[in-house]
Amino acid sequence: MSRPRILCVAGDFPWPARDGYRIRLGHVVRALADIGDVDLFAASRGAEEVSAVPPDVELARCEVVPTPRLHPLTAGLLARTVASSQPKRLLWHDWDSVRRRLDSWARPPYDLAWYGPWDTMAGLGSVEARRVILDADNLEDMRERSLRAAHARDLRSLLEHPEPNAAYVRDVRARAKGIASSTVDARRWRALQQRLAREADAVQVCSELDRRRLGTSNAVVIPNGYEDPGVGETTPPAGSVMMMIGRWPYPPNSDGARFYVRDILPRIRAHVPDATIRLVGRGAGHLDGMRGISGVEIVGEVPDVADELARARLVVVPLRAGSGTRLKVLEAFAFRVPVVSTSIGCEGLDAAPGTHLLVADRPDDFAQACIRLLTDDDLHSRVARDARSLFESHYRWDDIRRSVSQLVASVVEGRDTTPAGVA
């Protein structure tokens, strides 16, 4: 087969790879470039730094275009948000201007159009192509449902312990608003996902769990992964430093950090007084309400996360909302750092609780799991070793990229793209 012409329409530019989406996107683009001649059109929705395309990634053409976010007071926007069947995130960006740029820049027809994530295909999926692949790194309806559940838990707790002050009233209103917004958006995302999945020849999802949840016959599992850092076996680091990493403007991450600092960390410090949590990642201004709390260090973005992982006794993933699979878990596995996670934080991964990581959802149980790893060197070493073995066998990007290339070849050639057909 001659090299196919591929249009890759992405929701951001992959480099530098500073968050889970960009890491996945960068490796997918590499896989596409290995098999075809790729035009990359990146519809960036933030003021993110853009670096050069790596020298070992050969693209035919590349374009980066900002997707402007509409101001809330834009004429008619609030009315459209209420009346529309589209999710809020789709409505609140100016896709029309970006679509005009894409239509004038693209050179159809293409053998394959690759879109990711959902709103990118919904907003820009108009270029002529024989085949279409959609990369669903998250199921947005599941993310909204889990956010709704987190808001509901917090609202119940607030109502059980009323306080006569303005901050309490603001919190109650915010949680009630979050419940209403997530309820509507979950329903809208579900309908949109089903429509877009029907329009694609194949949908890449991150896990077997997401494949079942999506429920379409053309869904194929392409797991998340991590670049192997080649870390050898080490002794557990001394001290009681814990670490949480995330992009803090993302609501499930900031919610998880607040949950951990408010409900879990005090229980840990009652038994391990010098226990410290370091909050690492971009957008640390979203964590300002936690500054000055004993045991909390807001680090923000760092040049190399490996330095933070080297000093961390364990990584915590206290997420109460989200979807897809978390690269922060695989990153810790790769670096031999034990993980304590909620069920949502590690869902979709082939990781066994008690073997590859410790899993707990209630604050007391989560705190006890952290205390065990902070104080038991034998447990620490065993969990770190088993997690690293799982990473090596399932989650190295060098292996996963071959699955992407295989899926692309199958779709372009019109072969069966069911799980059995692609395997």
Protein backbone atom coordinates (compact mmCIF):
# COMPACT_ATOMS: atom_id res chain seq x y z
CA MET A 1 0.00 0.00 0.00
CA SER A 2 1.33 3.49 -0.89
CA ARG A 3 1.54 6.02 1.91
CA PRO A 4 -1.93 7.46 2.57
CA ARG A 5 -2.59 11.19 2.87
CA ILE A 6 -3.76 11.89 6.43
CA LEU A 7 -5.35 15.02 7.87
CA CYS A 8 -4.92 15.21 11.65
CA VAL A 9 -7.24 17.78 13.28
CA ALA A 10 -6.32 18.08 16.95
CA GLY A 11 -7.59 20.06 19.93
CA ASP A 12 -4.10 21.37 20.71
CA PHE A 13 -0.52 21.34 19.47
CA PRO A 14 1.30 18.27 20.87
CA TRP A 15 4.61 19.86 21.80
CA PRO A 16 5.80 20.53 24.44
CA ALA A 17 4.03 17.52 25.94
CA ARG A 18 3.02 18.97 29.30
CA ASP A 19 -0.27 17.26 30.03
CA GLY A 20 -1.98 13.96 29.41
CA TYR A 21 -3.79 15.03 26.25
CA ARG A 22 -0.64 16.44 24.64
CA ILE A 23 1.39 13.37 25.55
CA ARG A 24 -1.18 11.06 23.94
CA LEU A 25 -1.57 13.35 20.93
CA GLY A 26 2.17 13.56 20.34
CA HIS A 27 2.52 9.79 20.20
CA VAL A 28 -0.54 9.42 17.98
CA VAL A 29 0.89 11.99 15.53
CA ARG A 30 4.17 10.06 15.50
CA ALA A 31 2.28 6.87 14.66
CA LEU A 32 0.32 8.62 11.88
CA ALA A 33 3.55 10.05 10.42
CA ASP A 34 5.13 6.60 10.44
CA ILE A 35 2.43 5.25 8.15
CA GLY A 36 1.36 8.24 6.04
CA ASP A 37 1.93 11.83 4.88
CA VAL A 38 0.37 13.96 7.60
CA ASP A 39 -1.12 17.45 7.52
CA LEU A 40 -1.48 18.54 11.17
CA PHE A 41 -4.04 21.24 11.97
CA ALA A 42 -4.00 22.12 15.67
CA ALA A 43 -6.98 24.10 16.97
CA SER A 44 -5.51 25.39 20.22
CA ARG A 45 -7.95 26.59 22.88
CA GLY A 46 -5.49 28.16 25.30
CA ALA A 47 -2.45 30.39 25.52
CA GLU A 48 -0.23 27.33 25.59
CA GLU A 49 3.43 27.42 24.64
CA VAL A 50 4.09 25.98 21.19
CA SER A 51 7.49 24.46 20.47
CA ALA A 52 8.98 23.12 17.26
CA VAL A 53 7.97 19.80 15.79
CA PRO A 54 10.53 17.23 17.01
CA PRO A 55 13.16 16.48 14.33
CA ASP A 56 12.25 12.78 14.27
CA VAL A 57 8.59 13.54 13.38
CA GLU A 58 8.16 14.25 9.66
CA LEU A 59 4.99 16.18 8.81
CA ALA A 60 3.92 17.23 5.33
CA ARG A 61 2.34 20.46 6.62
CA CYS A 62 1.49 21.98 9.99
CA GLU A 63 -0.78 24.81 11.12
CA VAL A 64 -1.62 26.05 14.64
CA VAL A 65 -4.77 28.18 14.98
CA PRO A 66 -6.24 29.54 18.24
CA THR A 67 -9.88 28.71 18.92
CA PRO A 68 -11.22 31.87 20.56
CA ARG A 69 -13.35 31.45 23.65
CA LEU A 70 -16.51 33.55 23.46
CA HIS A 71 -17.14 36.07 26.23
CA PRO A 72 -20.11 35.10 28.43
CA LEU A 73 -21.81 38.38 27.48
CA THR A 74 -21.60 37.65 23.74
CA ALA A 75 -24.98 38.47 22.22
CA GLY A 76 -27.32 35.52 22.50
CA LEU A 77 -24.74 33.15 23.99
CA LEU A 78 -26.53 32.52 27.27
CA ALA A 79 -29.85 32.01 25.48
CA ARG A 80 -28.22 29.53 23.07
CA THR A 81 -26.64 27.69 25.99
CA VAL A 82 -30.06 27.19 27.56
CA ALA A 83 -31.93 26.32 24.35
CA SER A 84 -29.29 24.32 22.46
CA SER A 85 -28.78 20.57 22.46
CA GLN A 86 -24.99 21.10 22.31
CA PRO A 87 -22.67 20.89 25.35
CA LYS A 88 -21.58 24.20 26.84
CA ARG A 89 -17.91 23.70 25.97
CA LEU A 90 -18.80 23.40 22.29
CA LEU A 91 -21.05 26.45 22.34
CA TRP A 92 -18.61 28.73 24.13
CA HIS A 93 -15.87 28.65 21.46
CA ASP A 94 -15.79 30.34 18.06
CA TRP A 95 -15.56 27.29 15.80
CA ASP A 96 -16.78 29.16 12.70
CA SER A 97 -13.61 31.22 12.29
CA VAL A 98 -11.40 28.17 12.83
CA ARG A 99 -13.45 26.11 10.37
CA ARG A 100 -12.95 28.76 7.70
CA ARG A 101 -9.18 28.62 8.31
CA LEU A 102 -9.19 24.84 8.08
CA ASP A 103 -11.26 24.81 4.88
CA SER A 104 -8.87 27.24 3.19
CA TRP A 105 -5.73 25.47 4.47
CA ALA A 106 -6.60 21.80 3.92
CA ARG A 107 -5.88 20.08 0.61
CA PRO A 108 -8.51 17.37 0.19
CA PRO A 109 -9.31 14.71 -0.64
CA TYR A 110 -7.57 12.77 2.13
CA ASP A 111 -7.39 9.02 2.58
CA LEU A 112 -7.99 9.51 6.31
CA ALA A 113 -9.13 12.31 8.60
CA TRP A 114 -8.16 11.82 12.23
CA TYR A 115 -9.98 14.00 14.81
CA GLY A 116 -9.56 14.35 18.54
CA PRO A 117 -11.21 15.04 20.92
CA TRP A 118 -15.00 15.01 20.52
CA ASP A 119 -15.59 18.75 20.23
CA THR A 120 -12.86 19.08 17.59
CA MET A 121 -14.72 16.69 15.31
CA ALA A 122 -18.06 18.31 16.14
CA GLY A 123 -16.72 21.79 15.37
CA LEU A 124 -14.34 21.05 12.48
CA GLY A 125 -15.29 17.69 10.98
CA SER A 126 -16.06 18.99 7.50
CA VAL A 127 -13.02 18.16 5.34
CA GLU A 128 -13.41 15.60 2.54
CA ALA A 129 -11.84 12.27 3.47
CA ARG A 130 -12.48 8.64 2.52
CA ARG A 131 -12.21 7.42 6.12
CA VAL A 132 -12.52 8.96 9.57
CA ILE A 133 -11.02 8.03 12.95
CA LEU A 134 -12.06 9.81 16.15
CA ASP A 135 -9.77 9.66 19.19
CA ALA A 136 -12.02 9.71 22.27
CA ASP A 137 -9.42 10.10 25.00
CA ASN A 138 -12.30 10.83 27.42
CA LEU A 139 -16.01 10.07 27.55
CA GLU A 140 -17.33 13.50 28.37
CA ASP A 141 -20.74 12.31 29.56
CA MET A 142 -19.05 10.14 32.19
CA ARG A 143 -16.88 13.06 33.29
CA GLU A 144 -19.97 15.24 33.77
CA ARG A 145 -21.81 12.50 35.65
CA SER A 146 -18.91 12.03 38.04
CA LEU A 147 -18.60 15.80 38.56
CA ARG A 148 -22.33 15.90 39.35
CA ALA A 149 -21.86 13.16 41.95
CA ALA A 150 -18.93 15.04 43.54
CA HIS A 151 -20.97 18.26 43.72
CA ALA A 152 -23.89 16.34 45.25
CA ARG A 153 -21.68 14.81 47.96
CA ASP A 154 -20.27 18.21 48.86
CA LEU A 155 -23.72 19.80 48.90
CA ARG A 156 -25.03 17.13 51.26
CA SER A 157 -22.08 17.72 53.58
CA LEU A 158 -22.62 21.48 53.50
CA LEU A 159 -26.32 21.16 54.30
CA GLU A 160 -25.56 18.82 57.20
CA HIS A 161 -23.24 21.44 58.74
CA PRO A 162 -24.77 24.87 58.02
CA GLU A 163 -22.80 28.03 58.79
CA PRO A 164 -24.33 31.54 58.89
CA ASN A 165 -21.83 33.34 56.64
CA ALA A 166 -21.47 34.55 53.06
CA ALA A 167 -18.80 31.98 52.14
CA TYR A 168 -21.12 29.14 53.11
CA VAL A 169 -23.93 30.55 50.96
CA ARG A 170 -21.54 30.90 47.99
CA ASP A 171 -20.42 27.28 48.40
CA VAL A 172 -24.00 26.01 48.52
CA ARG A 173 -24.94 28.00 45.42
CA ALA A 174 -21.81 26.85 43.54
CA ARG A 175 -22.50 23.18 44.29
CA ALA A 176 -26.17 23.49 43.31
CA LYS A 177 -25.18 25.24 40.08
CA GLY A 178 -22.58 22.54 39.38
CA ILE A 179 -25.18 19.80 39.81
CA ALA A 180 -27.57 21.49 37.38
CA SER A 181 -24.90 22.24 34.79
CA SER A 182 -23.38 18.74 34.87
CA THR A 183 -26.81 17.10 34.63
CA VAL A 184 -27.63 19.00 31.43
CA ASP A 185 -24.17 18.61 29.88
CA ALA A 186 -24.00 14.86 30.60
CA ARG A 187 -27.18 14.33 28.60
CA ARG A 188 -25.98 16.57 25.76
CA TRP A 189 -22.55 14.93 25.59
CA ARG A 190 -24.08 11.45 25.48
CA ALA A 191 -26.22 12.35 22.45
CA LEU A 192 -23.33 14.08 20.69
CA GLN A 193 -20.92 11.20 21.32
CA GLN A 194 -23.36 8.69 19.87
CA ARG A 195 -23.89 10.80 16.74
CA LEU A 196 -20.17 11.40 16.13
CA ALA A 197 -19.33 7.74 16.76
CA ARG A 198 -21.80 6.76 14.02
CA GLU A 199 -20.12 9.20 11.61
CA ALA A 200 -16.64 7.74 12.19
CA ASP A 201 -15.22 4.53 10.75
CA ALA A 202 -13.47 3.84 14.06
CA VAL A 203 -13.38 5.42 17.52
CA GLN A 204 -10.23 5.09 19.61
CA VAL A 205 -10.98 4.76 23.35
CA CYS A 206 -8.51 4.37 26.21
CA SER A 207 -9.85 1.26 27.90
CA GLU A 208 -12.15 -1.71 27.64
CA LEU A 209 -14.34 0.01 30.23
CA ASP A 210 -14.79 3.03 27.95
CA ARG A 211 -15.46 0.76 24.97
CA ARG A 212 -18.35 -0.85 26.86
CA ARG A 213 -19.63 2.51 28.09
CA LEU A 214 -19.64 4.02 24.61
CA GLY A 215 -21.48 0.96 23.34
CA THR A 216 -20.70 1.30 19.62
CA SER A 217 -19.40 -1.55 17.48
CA ASN A 218 -16.63 0.56 15.91
CA ALA A 219 -14.89 1.42 19.22
CA VAL A 220 -11.30 0.12 19.45
CA VAL A 221 -9.11 0.23 22.57
CA ILE A 222 -5.86 2.16 22.14
CA PRO A 223 -4.63 2.56 25.73
CA ASN A 224 -2.76 5.50 27.15
CA GLY A 225 0.91 5.00 27.80
CA TYR A 226 4.09 6.63 28.98
CA GLU A 227 7.59 6.97 27.59
CA ASP A 228 9.88 4.56 29.45
CA PRO A 229 12.25 6.62 31.64
CA GLY A 230 14.44 3.55 32.19
CA VAL A 231 14.41 3.86 35.98
CA GLY A 232 16.10 0.98 37.75
CA GLU A 233 15.07 -0.51 41.09
CA THR A 234 15.86 1.77 44.03
CA THR A 235 15.38 1.82 47.79
CA PRO A 236 12.34 3.71 49.11
CA PRO A 237 13.16 7.40 49.64
CA ALA A 238 13.33 8.63 53.21
CA GLY A 239 10.87 11.20 54.47
CA SER A 240 7.12 11.62 54.15
CA VAL A 241 6.72 13.61 50.93
CA MET A 242 3.64 12.84 48.87
CA MET A 243 2.90 14.27 45.45
CA MET A 244 -0.13 15.06 43.32
CA ILE A 245 0.35 16.21 39.75
CA GLY A 246 -2.25 17.74 37.47
CA ARG A 247 -3.38 20.54 35.22
CA TRP A 248 -5.16 22.52 37.91
CA PRO A 249 -7.66 24.48 35.77
CA TYR A 250 -9.20 21.08 34.91
CA PRO A 251 -12.11 20.76 37.41
CA PRO A 252 -11.62 17.08 38.39
CA ASN A 253 -7.98 17.80 39.34
CA SER A 254 -8.66 20.89 41.44
CA ASP A 255 -11.64 19.16 43.07
CA GLY A 256 -9.46 16.17 43.92
CA ALA A 257 -6.78 18.39 45.45
CA ARG A 258 -9.33 20.18 47.64
CA PHE A 259 -10.84 16.85 48.71
CA TYR A 260 -7.39 15.51 49.63
CA VAL A 261 -6.24 18.60 51.54
CA ARG A 262 -9.55 19.07 53.38
CA ASP A 263 -10.56 15.49 54.21
CA ILE A 264 -7.51 13.22 53.90
CA LEU A 265 -4.29 15.07 54.74
CA PRO A 266 -5.30 15.95 58.36
CA ARG A 267 -5.96 12.25 59.02
CA ILE A 268 -2.50 11.36 57.69
CA ARG A 269 -0.73 14.04 59.71
CA ALA A 270 -2.43 12.83 62.89
CA HIS A 271 -0.25 9.68 62.53
CA VAL A 272 2.68 11.04 60.45
CA PRO A 273 3.12 14.65 61.63
CA ASP A 274 5.73 15.60 59.03
CA ALA A 275 3.70 14.29 56.07
CA THR A 276 3.66 16.82 53.22
CA ILE A 277 1.75 16.98 49.94
CA ARG A 278 3.40 18.73 46.99
CA LEU A 279 0.92 19.94 44.34
CA VAL A 280 2.74 20.04 41.01
CA GLY A 281 1.47 21.26 37.66
CA ARG A 282 0.30 24.16 35.52
CA GLY A 283 -2.35 26.64 36.60
CA ALA A 284 -1.52 26.60 40.30
CA GLY A 285 -3.49 29.81 40.78
CA HIS A 286 -6.58 27.58 40.95
CA LEU A 287 -5.17 26.23 44.24
CA ASP A 288 -4.69 29.59 45.97
CA GLY A 289 -7.32 28.75 48.58
CA MET A 290 -4.97 26.07 49.94
CA ARG A 291 -1.91 28.28 50.39
CA GLY A 292 -0.71 28.47 53.96
CA ILE A 293 -2.30 25.19 55.08
CA SER A 294 0.10 23.08 57.15
CA GLY A 295 1.61 20.25 55.15
CA VAL A 296 0.63 21.72 51.75
CA GLU A 297 3.28 22.92 49.28
CA ILE A 298 1.93 24.44 46.07
CA VAL A 299 4.79 23.90 43.65
CA GLY A 300 3.19 24.74 40.30
CA GLU A 301 4.82 23.86 36.99
CA VAL A 302 8.34 22.42 37.09
CA PRO A 303 10.95 22.01 34.32
CA ASP A 304 11.25 18.26 34.86
CA VAL A 305 8.69 16.20 36.77
CA ALA A 306 11.30 13.44 37.21
CA ASP A 307 12.99 15.52 39.92
CA GLU A 308 9.72 15.73 41.88
CA LEU A 309 9.04 12.02 41.47
CA ALA A 310 12.54 11.17 42.70
CA ARG A 311 11.84 12.82 46.07
CA ALA A 312 8.25 11.60 46.46
CA ARG A 313 7.55 8.65 48.72
CA LEU A 314 4.22 8.14 46.95
CA VAL A 315 1.84 9.70 44.40
CA VAL A 316 -1.79 10.34 45.31
CA VAL A 317 -4.66 10.42 42.80
CA PRO A 318 -7.68 11.44 44.92
CA LEU A 319 -10.00 12.13 41.98
CA ARG A 320 -13.74 12.06 42.51
CA ALA A 321 -14.57 12.87 38.88
CA GLY A 322 -13.16 12.26 35.42
CA SER A 323 -13.13 9.81 32.55
CA GLY A 324 -10.64 8.00 30.34
CA THR A 325 -7.44 6.80 32.01
CA ARG A 326 -5.00 8.87 34.02
CA LEU A 327 -1.48 9.27 32.67
CA LYS A 328 -0.37 10.45 36.12
CA VAL A 329 -0.87 6.88 37.36
CA LEU A 330 1.16 5.37 34.50
CA GLU A 331 3.86 8.00 35.02
CA ALA A 332 4.24 6.98 38.66
CA PHE A 333 4.32 3.29 37.66
CA ALA A 334 7.09 4.02 35.14
CA PHE A 335 9.17 5.85 37.77
CA ARG A 336 8.63 3.14 40.43
CA VAL A 337 6.66 5.44 42.76
CA PRO A 338 3.74 3.73 44.57
CA VAL A 339 0.25 5.15 43.99
CA VAL A 340 -2.78 5.58 46.22
CA SER A 341 -5.86 6.30 44.14
CA THR A 342 -9.61 6.47 44.29
CA SER A 343 -11.56 4.02 42.14
CA ILE A 344 -12.23 6.74 39.56
CA GLY A 345 -8.60 7.79 39.57
CA CYS A 346 -7.39 4.40 38.31
CA GLU A 347 -10.43 3.13 36.40
CA GLY A 348 -9.83 1.62 32.99
CA LEU A 349 -6.29 0.45 33.82
CA ASP A 350 -5.37 -3.23 34.18
CA ALA A 351 -4.07 -2.52 37.67
CA ALA A 352 -5.01 -4.77 40.59
CA PRO A 353 -5.73 -3.04 43.93
CA GLY A 354 -3.31 -4.22 46.59
CA THR A 355 -0.81 -5.38 43.95
CA HIS A 356 -0.01 -2.53 41.56
CA LEU A 357 -1.42 0.28 43.72
CA LEU A 358 -3.63 0.89 46.75
CA VAL A 359 -7.22 1.98 46.12
CA ALA A 360 -9.58 3.72 48.56
CA ASP A 361 -12.54 6.06 48.22
CA ARG A 362 -13.46 7.00 51.79
CA PRO A 363 -11.20 9.61 53.44
CA ASP A 364 -10.30 7.32 56.37
CA ASP A 365 -9.39 4.44 54.07
CA PHE A 366 -7.40 6.68 51.72
CA ALA A 367 -5.46 8.13 54.64
CA GLN A 368 -4.69 4.67 56.03
CA ALA A 369 -3.39 3.53 52.62
CA CYS A 370 -1.05 6.53 52.50
CA ILE A 371 0.14 5.89 56.05
CA ARG A 372 0.97 2.28 55.18
CA LEU A 373 3.14 3.30 52.23
CA LEU A 374 4.79 6.09 54.23
CA THR A 375 5.79 3.73 57.05
CA ASP A 376 6.23 0.24 55.52
CA ASP A 377 9.35 -0.10 53.34
CA ASP A 378 8.59 -3.68 52.35
CA LEU A 379 5.10 -2.80 51.11
CA HIS A 380 6.49 0.27 49.35
CA SER A 381 9.12 -1.78 47.48
CA ARG A 382 6.68 -4.54 46.49
CA VAL A 383 4.01 -2.18 45.12
CA ALA A 384 6.61 -0.13 43.23
CA ARG A 385 8.13 -3.27 41.68
CA ASP A 386 4.80 -4.79 40.61
CA ALA A 387 3.57 -1.48 39.18
CA ARG A 388 6.74 -1.10 37.13
CA SER A 389 6.29 -4.64 35.75
CA LEU A 390 2.72 -3.82 34.69
CA PHE A 391 3.94 -0.66 32.97
CA GLU A 392 6.59 -2.59 31.06
CA SER A 393 4.13 -5.22 29.84
CA HIS A 394 1.13 -2.98 28.98
CA TYR A 395 1.76 0.74 28.85
CA ARG A 396 4.94 1.69 26.99
CA TRP A 397 4.29 4.06 24.11
CA ASP A 398 6.76 2.25 21.87
CA ASP A 399 4.37 -0.71 21.91
CA ILE A 400 1.12 1.30 21.79
CA ARG A 401 2.17 3.29 18.71
CA ARG A 402 2.23 0.04 16.76
CA SER A 403 -1.44 -0.48 17.67
CA VAL A 404 -2.27 3.00 16.34
CA SER A 405 -0.48 2.27 13.06
CA GLN A 406 -2.29 -1.05 12.78
CA LEU A 407 -5.67 0.58 13.31
CA VAL A 408 -4.94 3.29 10.73
CA ALA A 409 -3.90 0.70 8.14
CA SER A 410 -7.06 -1.31 8.81
CA VAL A 411 -9.34 1.71 8.42
CA VAL A 412 -7.63 3.06 5.30
CA GLU A 413 -7.78 -0.33 3.63
CA GLY A 414 -11.40 -0.84 4.65
CA ARG A 415 -10.66 -3.89 6.78
CA ASP A 416 -12.58 -4.98 9.90
CA THR A 417 -11.96 -2.58 12.78
CA THR A 418 -13.74 -4.53 15.53
CA PRO A 419 -11.45 -5.55 18.40
CA ALA A 420 -11.08 -9.05 16.96
CA GLY A 421 -10.36 -7.72 13.48
CA VAL A 422 -7.67 -5.25 14.58
CA ALA A 423 -5.91 -7.54 17.06
